[in-house]
Every structure is written in C-alpha cells, then in structure tokens.
Amino acid sequence: MKTFKGKTIVVTGASGGIGRATAIAFGRHGAAVALLARGEAGLAGAAKEVEASGGTALTIEVDTADHDALAAAAARVEQELGPIDVWVNVAFTSVFAPFTEIAPEEYERVTEVSYLGYVYGTMIALERMKKHNRGAIVQVGSALAYRGIPLQSAYCGAKHAIQGFNESLRCELLHDRSPIRTTMVQMPAVNTPQFDWVLSRLPNKAQPVPPIYQPEIAARGVLFAAAHPQRREYWVGASTAATLVANAVAPGLLDRYLARTGVASQQRPQPRDPRQPVNLWEPADEDRDFGTHGAFDARSAGRSPQLWASHHHGTVFAAAGAAAMGLLALGVSLLGKTRRR
C-alpha cells in the first residue's frame, strides 16, 4: 500500500459510509484525497478524519449527476493536489419501495446519481488520466449488480448498468493497450448511514440484508483494487461470493427465495419515522454529520476471511494444491499398505 503515498486520489460520495471509510484508508497510507459529495457537515467531518489519519484532504461540494460541475471539481483537484492517480466512484442514492410506488422523477434521479454519476466520473477521470498515460478507476459496485432484490429496483438497475458499462470500457482500454485500468468491487450489505437517510416508503425502518459488514472491510477491498486494477473484479464478503455463485447456478430458485424472504429481511421491527431525512434531492448531511457507520455496529462483522482469500489467490491455490498432493500421497501410501497385506 506504499503505492498511495503522495498520490492524488478522488473519492465521490466521501461524506459517509463506504466512501468516507475509503477516503480515510487512503489518508492512512499518506495520500492526498479529494472528497467529493454534497453535504457540508459530512464533508467537513470526513476531512478531519482523513487528516487525522495522516493524509491531505480537499473537500468539494458537488452533485455527481451534474457533469459540468463534476468536471470543474476534477480541474480543481489537479490544480490543488496534482494529477489524479486513482478515481473511486461511490456516490449513490436510492429509494426503498415497491416498483409501483416509485415516481418517474424519483427513478430518473436515482439513475442520474447512481449510474450516470459513475459514467460522468469515469469519463472525466479517463480524460485527465490519458494526459499522463496512467491511472486507475475503481467502480464500487454491489452483489446487486448481478442479483436484483425486491424493494430496490432503481438501485439494482443502476448497479446492473454500471456492471455492463464498466465491462465495455475495460474491453476498449485493453484493445487500445492503455496503461489505464478500470476495475469493479462488488460489495455485500454494509453498515452505512444510508438506511437513516434514504427515501423509504416501507412501513418499518430499512436495514441491510444480513450478514452485515463494517465499512472498513469495504474500504480495504477498494484500496486493494486500486493497487491491483489489472483484475477485472473483486468480491467483498462471503455473502457476496455466495450470492453471485447461487445466481449463476440457479437464478430462478433465487427469485423464489427472495420473493419469500427479501421484503421482511430488509426491514427492522421498528416502524419507520415519517420525519426521517431524505437525501434524494438534497443532502441529508448538510447540517449534521452522520459519520461513517450506520446503526448496525452490534450486528456487523469487522473481519472477512473471504476478502483475504480474494486478495491472496496464489497463496490459497498453493495451499489447496499442497493439501491435494498430501491427500494423494496419503492415499497412495494406504493403498500400498493394503496391497502388501
């Protein structure tokens, strides 16, 4: 991770959750981090934590759905911090509701932020990286980029779109033999503040589908991907791996399972507060800093053996190979003894 010392990193959606945890992690490795988001209080809190971790922080209030404003933000980043080495797209918004209860303008807004915001960020980052012939772009995705679930059709649609867009861009970069790389990190359910500010029409409080992971786990996945962007995709969390494998093998069966369990598993027993803040149109953290974590610390995992295994394929395969050879040798030895008898 010494790769990031003195480098210029851009993180969108950096005022809370995965974006904030990622910005802090980059700061811990000595990077200069540009934090892009809408909420003034959230950005200020995130900047303090980045600087306390040892990094340099630059905060820019910007809506990633606004291409021109985002381009101006990138120009400011390079003017104040230097050429952009890594761009991480995280910013998103969503609506928790059945599809039939989401208004057209709400669907449009989620798509603009959660999909087109990634497209604009990638477009702007690539244009600037080409001038220096280097760089890495990390798309923070989700298991829901492959597997849609009930009550999140707008978000799932955006994540599926990012998946297809990123694959297409990756092929083009490989065709051009470009040294610039793009990669995607598929996330599990994460303990972020989004469940306290997302627009919801559910009767009860929203929650991530367990098992839940802490944002720092997600951040470690992002940093590793940024340091090793040659791989096309990373999975974070055993639940992500299990979901993607199950969806590839038996998607119809998963449809029926989620139809039975998906609605209840995304709600807590407590009724939703109708006065809950909503960040769809305006930032919820303009005057209040929600921080990095959500309300699920007691139920969230701070470790992920799957993530370690994902980052150490060579070690895992070597150990598996050694174990297989050991078992084979043991079998041959036992067979020899049986024959001698």
Protein backbone atom coordinates (compact mmCIF):
# COMPACT_ATOMS: atom_id res chain seq x y z
CA MET A 1 0.00 0.00 0.00
CA LYS A 2 3.05 2.30 -0.16
CA THR A 3 1.74 2.73 -3.70
CA PHE A 4 -0.52 5.55 -2.47
CA LYS A 5 1.96 7.70 -0.55
CA GLY A 6 1.93 11.16 -2.12
CA LYS A 7 -0.64 10.13 -4.75
CA THR A 8 -3.77 12.07 -5.63
CA ILE A 9 -6.99 10.17 -5.01
CA VAL A 10 -10.56 11.24 -5.79
CA VAL A 11 -13.44 9.63 -3.88
CA THR A 12 -17.04 10.51 -4.72
CA GLY A 13 -19.67 10.06 -2.04
CA ALA A 14 -16.92 10.65 0.51
CA SER A 15 -19.05 12.23 3.23
CA GLY A 16 -20.28 8.93 4.70
CA GLY A 17 -20.31 5.16 4.56
CA ILE A 18 -18.02 3.29 2.19
CA GLY A 19 -16.81 6.49 0.51
CA ARG A 20 -15.75 8.01 3.81
CA ALA A 21 -14.10 4.83 5.07
CA THR A 22 -12.23 4.60 1.77
CA ALA A 23 -11.04 8.20 1.92
CA ILE A 24 -9.76 7.67 5.48
CA ALA A 25 -7.97 4.48 4.45
CA PHE A 26 -6.21 6.25 1.59
CA GLY A 27 -5.25 9.03 4.00
CA ARG A 28 -3.76 6.46 6.35
CA HIS A 29 -1.39 5.50 3.52
CA GLY A 30 -0.22 9.07 3.01
CA ALA A 31 -2.36 10.04 0.03
CA ALA A 32 -3.79 13.41 -0.88
CA VAL A 33 -7.53 12.75 -1.01
CA ALA A 34 -10.17 14.85 -2.74
CA LEU A 35 -13.50 14.25 -1.05
CA LEU A 36 -16.46 14.88 -3.35
CA ALA A 37 -20.02 14.91 -2.01
CA ARG A 38 -22.95 17.25 -1.40
CA GLY A 39 -23.25 17.60 2.39
CA GLU A 40 -21.13 20.30 4.01
CA ALA A 41 -21.16 18.83 7.53
CA GLY A 42 -20.43 15.32 6.29
CA LEU A 43 -17.54 16.52 4.15
CA ALA A 44 -16.05 18.55 6.98
CA GLY A 45 -16.19 15.57 9.35
CA ALA A 46 -14.66 13.25 6.75
CA ALA A 47 -11.84 15.73 6.03
CA LYS A 48 -10.90 15.90 9.70
CA GLU A 49 -10.67 12.11 9.85
CA VAL A 50 -8.58 11.89 6.68
CA GLU A 51 -6.13 14.44 8.04
CA ALA A 52 -6.06 12.77 11.46
CA SER A 53 -5.15 9.52 9.72
CA GLY A 54 -2.12 11.15 8.09
CA GLY A 55 -3.47 12.22 4.71
CA THR A 56 -4.18 15.52 3.00
CA ALA A 57 -7.84 16.38 2.43
CA LEU A 58 -9.54 18.62 -0.10
CA THR A 59 -13.32 18.90 0.16
CA ILE A 60 -15.50 19.85 -2.82
CA GLU A 61 -19.27 20.10 -2.64
CA VAL A 62 -20.62 18.70 -5.89
CA ASP A 63 -23.53 16.68 -7.25
CA THR A 64 -22.07 13.85 -9.35
CA ALA A 65 -25.19 13.90 -11.54
CA ASP A 66 -24.01 17.30 -12.83
CA HIS A 67 -21.31 16.56 -15.43
CA ASP A 68 -20.07 20.13 -15.78
CA ALA A 69 -19.82 20.67 -12.02
CA LEU A 70 -18.00 17.35 -11.64
CA ALA A 71 -15.56 18.31 -14.42
CA ALA A 72 -14.88 21.61 -12.67
CA ALA A 73 -14.24 19.70 -9.44
CA ALA A 74 -11.70 17.47 -11.18
CA ALA A 75 -9.92 20.52 -12.60
CA ARG A 76 -9.70 21.99 -9.11
CA VAL A 77 -8.33 18.72 -7.73
CA GLU A 78 -5.48 18.67 -10.23
CA GLN A 79 -4.79 22.35 -9.72
CA GLU A 80 -4.51 21.99 -5.93
CA LEU A 81 -3.32 18.40 -5.42
CA GLY A 82 -1.74 17.34 -8.71
CA PRO A 83 -2.59 14.82 -11.46
CA ILE A 84 -5.25 12.30 -10.47
CA ASP A 85 -3.82 8.82 -9.90
CA VAL A 86 -6.94 7.00 -8.67
CA TRP A 87 -10.63 7.86 -9.08
CA VAL A 88 -13.14 5.94 -6.94
CA ASN A 89 -16.84 6.15 -7.80
CA VAL A 90 -19.01 5.55 -4.74
CA ALA A 91 -21.73 8.24 -4.67
CA PHE A 92 -25.29 6.97 -4.97
CA THR A 93 -28.85 7.49 -3.85
CA SER A 94 -31.83 5.16 -3.77
CA VAL A 95 -35.49 4.60 -2.97
CA PHE A 96 -36.73 1.79 -0.74
CA ALA A 97 -40.17 0.95 -2.12
CA PRO A 98 -42.00 -1.47 -4.39
CA PHE A 99 -41.52 -0.56 -8.06
CA THR A 100 -45.16 0.55 -8.40
CA GLU A 101 -44.69 3.11 -5.61
CA ILE A 102 -41.68 4.90 -7.16
CA ALA A 103 -42.44 8.05 -9.16
CA PRO A 104 -40.86 8.59 -12.60
CA GLU A 105 -38.88 11.61 -11.42
CA GLU A 106 -37.55 9.60 -8.47
CA TYR A 107 -36.43 6.80 -10.76
CA GLU A 108 -34.77 9.36 -13.01
CA ARG A 109 -32.94 10.94 -10.09
CA VAL A 110 -31.63 7.60 -8.77
CA THR A 111 -30.42 6.71 -12.26
CA GLU A 112 -28.72 10.08 -12.74
CA VAL A 113 -26.79 9.84 -9.49
CA SER A 114 -26.21 6.11 -9.08
CA TYR A 115 -25.49 5.27 -12.72
CA LEU A 116 -24.75 8.40 -14.75
CA GLY A 117 -22.70 9.80 -11.86
CA TYR A 118 -20.35 6.85 -12.33
CA VAL A 119 -20.31 7.35 -16.10
CA TYR A 120 -19.52 11.06 -15.75
CA GLY A 121 -16.86 10.44 -13.12
CA THR A 122 -15.22 7.78 -15.26
CA MET A 123 -15.41 9.97 -18.37
CA ILE A 124 -13.76 12.91 -16.59
CA ALA A 125 -11.13 10.79 -14.85
CA LEU A 126 -10.18 8.99 -18.07
CA GLU A 127 -9.82 12.22 -20.00
CA ARG A 128 -7.37 13.56 -17.42
CA MET A 129 -5.51 10.29 -16.90
CA LYS A 130 -4.87 9.98 -20.63
CA LYS A 131 -2.80 13.16 -20.50
CA HIS A 132 -0.38 11.45 -18.11
CA ASN A 133 -0.84 7.94 -19.53
CA ARG A 134 -1.53 6.35 -16.16
CA GLY A 135 -4.23 5.84 -13.56
CA ALA A 136 -6.81 3.51 -12.06
CA ILE A 137 -10.60 3.88 -11.88
CA VAL A 138 -12.46 1.86 -9.26
CA GLN A 139 -16.22 1.35 -9.51
CA VAL A 140 -17.76 0.48 -6.15
CA GLY A 141 -20.48 -1.97 -7.02
CA SER A 142 -22.61 -4.49 -5.17
CA ALA A 143 -23.74 -8.07 -5.27
CA LEU A 144 -26.91 -6.41 -6.57
CA ALA A 145 -25.04 -5.62 -9.81
CA TYR A 146 -25.77 -9.25 -10.68
CA ARG A 147 -28.69 -10.15 -8.43
CA GLY A 148 -31.75 -7.92 -8.21
CA ILE A 149 -33.79 -7.96 -5.00
CA PRO A 150 -37.26 -6.65 -4.13
CA LEU A 151 -37.78 -3.07 -2.92
CA GLN A 152 -34.59 -1.80 -4.61
CA SER A 153 -35.40 -1.88 -8.32
CA ALA A 154 -33.95 1.60 -9.01
CA TYR A 155 -30.68 0.85 -7.21
CA CYS A 156 -30.35 -2.65 -8.70
CA GLY A 157 -30.97 -1.27 -12.17
CA ALA A 158 -28.21 1.31 -11.70
CA LYS A 159 -25.73 -1.27 -10.41
CA HIS A 160 -26.50 -3.64 -13.29
CA ALA A 161 -25.93 -0.73 -15.68
CA ILE A 162 -22.57 0.10 -14.11
CA GLN A 163 -21.52 -3.53 -14.50
CA GLY A 164 -22.23 -3.54 -18.23
CA PHE A 165 -20.72 -0.10 -18.77
CA ASN A 166 -17.53 -1.00 -16.91
CA GLU A 167 -17.05 -4.24 -18.86
CA SER A 168 -17.44 -2.38 -22.14
CA LEU A 169 -14.92 0.29 -21.13
CA ARG A 170 -12.47 -2.33 -19.90
CA CYS A 171 -12.55 -4.07 -23.28
CA GLU A 172 -11.88 -0.78 -25.05
CA LEU A 173 -8.91 0.03 -22.81
CA LEU A 174 -7.46 -3.43 -23.40
CA HIS A 175 -7.95 -3.04 -27.15
CA ASP A 176 -6.09 0.28 -27.06
CA ARG A 177 -3.32 -1.25 -24.92
CA SER A 178 -3.88 1.58 -22.49
CA PRO A 179 -1.96 1.54 -19.19
CA ILE A 180 -5.07 2.99 -17.53
CA ARG A 181 -7.17 0.34 -15.82
CA THR A 182 -10.73 0.12 -14.57
CA THR A 183 -11.95 -2.45 -12.07
CA MET A 184 -15.08 -3.07 -10.03
CA VAL A 185 -15.53 -4.08 -6.39
CA GLN A 186 -18.79 -5.90 -5.60
CA MET A 187 -19.90 -5.19 -2.03
CA PRO A 188 -22.06 -7.07 0.48
CA ALA A 189 -24.53 -5.48 2.88
CA VAL A 190 -22.60 -2.73 4.69
CA ASN A 191 -23.31 -0.80 7.89
CA THR A 192 -23.61 2.71 6.43
CA PRO A 193 -25.80 5.74 7.25
CA GLN A 194 -27.80 5.32 4.03
CA PHE A 195 -30.53 3.49 5.91
CA ASP A 196 -31.08 6.61 8.02
CA TRP A 197 -31.48 8.97 5.06
CA VAL A 198 -32.67 7.02 2.03
CA LEU A 199 -36.15 7.82 0.70
CA SER A 200 -38.30 4.99 2.03
CA ARG A 201 -41.95 4.06 1.69
CA LEU A 202 -41.62 0.92 3.77
CA PRO A 203 -43.79 0.59 6.88
CA ASN A 204 -40.78 -0.23 9.07
CA LYS A 205 -37.20 1.04 9.28
CA ALA A 206 -34.96 -0.16 6.47
CA GLN A 207 -31.91 -2.33 7.06
CA PRO A 208 -29.23 -4.10 5.00
CA VAL A 209 -29.86 -7.78 4.34
CA PRO A 210 -27.74 -9.71 6.89
CA PRO A 211 -24.93 -10.62 7.18
CA ILE A 212 -23.70 -7.05 7.53
CA TYR A 213 -20.08 -5.86 7.23
CA GLN A 214 -18.39 -2.74 8.54
CA PRO A 215 -17.41 -0.02 6.02
CA GLU A 216 -13.72 -0.54 6.79
CA ILE A 217 -13.93 -4.03 5.26
CA ALA A 218 -15.30 -2.48 2.08
CA ALA A 219 -12.57 0.18 2.14
CA ARG A 220 -9.85 -2.46 2.30
CA GLY A 221 -11.34 -4.07 -0.77
CA VAL A 222 -11.32 -0.74 -2.62
CA LEU A 223 -7.69 0.02 -1.73
CA PHE A 224 -6.52 -3.39 -2.85
CA ALA A 225 -8.40 -2.99 -6.13
CA ALA A 226 -6.86 0.44 -6.66
CA ALA A 227 -3.39 -1.02 -6.09
CA HIS A 228 -4.13 -4.04 -8.33
CA PRO A 229 -6.55 -2.80 -11.01
CA GLN A 230 -5.43 -5.40 -13.53
CA ARG A 231 -8.05 -7.82 -12.22
CA ARG A 232 -11.46 -7.06 -13.67
CA GLU A 233 -13.47 -7.54 -10.48
CA TYR A 234 -13.24 -8.18 -6.75
CA TRP A 235 -15.82 -9.65 -4.38
CA VAL A 236 -16.02 -8.48 -0.78
CA GLY A 237 -17.62 -10.74 1.83
CA ALA A 238 -18.65 -14.38 1.84
CA SER A 239 -22.28 -13.36 1.29
CA THR A 240 -21.35 -11.60 -1.97
CA ALA A 241 -19.49 -14.68 -3.20
CA ALA A 242 -22.37 -16.99 -2.21
CA THR A 243 -24.99 -14.75 -3.82
CA LEU A 244 -23.15 -14.42 -7.13
CA VAL A 245 -22.40 -18.13 -7.34
CA ALA A 246 -26.00 -19.07 -6.47
CA ASN A 247 -27.34 -16.59 -9.02
CA ALA A 248 -25.10 -18.05 -11.73
CA VAL A 249 -26.16 -21.62 -10.93
CA ALA A 250 -29.85 -21.32 -10.03
CA PRO A 251 -31.24 -17.82 -10.63
CA GLY A 252 -34.85 -18.99 -10.82
CA LEU A 253 -34.59 -20.68 -7.44
CA LEU A 254 -33.08 -17.49 -6.01
CA ASP A 255 -36.00 -15.49 -7.46
CA ARG A 256 -38.44 -17.60 -5.44
CA TYR A 257 -36.31 -17.49 -2.30
CA LEU A 258 -36.05 -13.69 -2.42
CA ALA A 259 -39.77 -13.40 -3.16
CA ARG A 260 -40.40 -15.16 0.16
CA THR A 261 -37.69 -13.53 2.28
CA GLY A 262 -36.47 -10.35 0.57
CA VAL A 263 -39.14 -7.93 1.82
CA ALA A 264 -39.01 -8.87 5.50
CA SER A 265 -35.20 -9.16 5.60
CA GLN A 266 -34.81 -5.51 4.59
CA GLN A 267 -36.90 -4.17 7.46
CA ARG A 268 -36.38 -3.83 11.19
CA PRO A 269 -39.25 -4.44 13.63
CA GLN A 270 -39.49 -0.71 14.46
CA PRO A 271 -41.90 1.49 12.50
CA ARG A 272 -40.26 3.99 10.14
CA ASP A 273 -40.14 7.57 11.38
CA PRO A 274 -42.06 9.65 8.78
CA ARG A 275 -39.76 12.59 9.64
CA GLN A 276 -36.65 10.65 8.62
CA PRO A 277 -34.32 12.81 6.49
CA VAL A 278 -34.20 12.12 2.76
CA ASN A 279 -31.13 12.67 0.60
CA LEU A 280 -32.64 12.02 -2.84
CA TRP A 281 -32.90 15.67 -3.84
CA GLU A 282 -30.89 17.45 -1.16
CA PRO A 283 -28.02 16.23 1.06
CA ALA A 284 -29.17 14.87 4.42
CA ASP A 285 -25.76 15.70 5.93
CA GLU A 286 -25.74 19.40 5.11
CA ASP A 287 -26.05 20.41 8.77
CA ARG A 288 -25.49 17.08 10.51
CA ASP A 289 -22.55 14.72 10.17
CA PHE A 290 -23.84 11.14 10.07
CA GLY A 291 -20.31 9.70 10.16
CA THR A 292 -19.03 6.51 8.56
CA HIS A 293 -21.10 3.86 10.33
CA GLY A 294 -24.83 3.27 10.38
CA ALA A 295 -26.98 1.94 13.21
CA PHE A 296 -25.84 -1.69 12.97
CA ASP A 297 -22.47 -1.79 14.74
CA ALA A 298 -23.58 -4.53 17.12
CA ARG A 299 -24.58 -6.77 14.21
CA SER A 300 -21.72 -6.03 11.81
CA ALA A 301 -18.61 -8.07 11.09
CA GLY A 302 -15.23 -6.36 11.27
CA ARG A 303 -13.38 -9.18 9.51
CA SER A 304 -13.77 -11.10 6.27
CA PRO A 305 -11.69 -14.24 5.64
CA GLN A 306 -13.15 -14.30 2.12
CA LEU A 307 -11.65 -10.87 1.39
CA TRP A 308 -8.20 -12.06 2.49
CA ALA A 309 -8.55 -15.15 0.29
CA SER A 310 -9.67 -12.98 -2.63
CA HIS A 311 -6.55 -10.85 -2.27
CA HIS A 312 -4.22 -13.86 -1.93
CA HIS A 313 -5.30 -16.22 -4.70
CA GLY A 314 -1.75 -17.53 -5.17
CA THR A 315 -1.40 -18.49 -1.52
CA VAL A 316 -4.85 -20.10 -1.42
CA PHE A 317 -4.29 -22.09 -4.61
CA ALA A 318 -0.81 -23.16 -3.48
CA ALA A 319 -2.19 -24.34 -0.13
CA ALA A 320 -5.05 -26.16 -1.85
CA GLY A 321 -2.59 -27.78 -4.24
CA ALA A 322 -0.30 -28.83 -1.41
CA ALA A 323 -3.24 -30.28 0.51
CA ALA A 324 -4.40 -32.18 -2.58
CA MET A 325 -0.91 -33.57 -3.15
CA GLY A 326 -0.71 -34.55 0.52
CA LEU A 327 -4.01 -36.38 0.34
CA LEU A 328 -2.92 -38.09 -2.87
CA ALA A 329 0.35 -39.22 -1.27
CA LEU A 330 -1.54 -40.47 1.79
CA GLY A 331 -3.95 -42.39 -0.43
CA VAL A 332 -1.11 -43.99 -2.38
CA SER A 333 0.63 -44.95 0.86
CA LEU A 334 -2.52 -46.51 2.32
CA LEU A 335 -3.20 -48.35 -0.93
CA GLY A 336 0.35 -49.76 -0.90
CA LYS A 337 -0.01 -50.98 2.68
CA THR A 338 -3.34 -52.63 1.85
CA ARG A 339 -1.85 -54.48 -1.10
CA ARG A 340 1.13 -55.72 0.96
CA ARG A 341 -1.26 -57.23 3.42
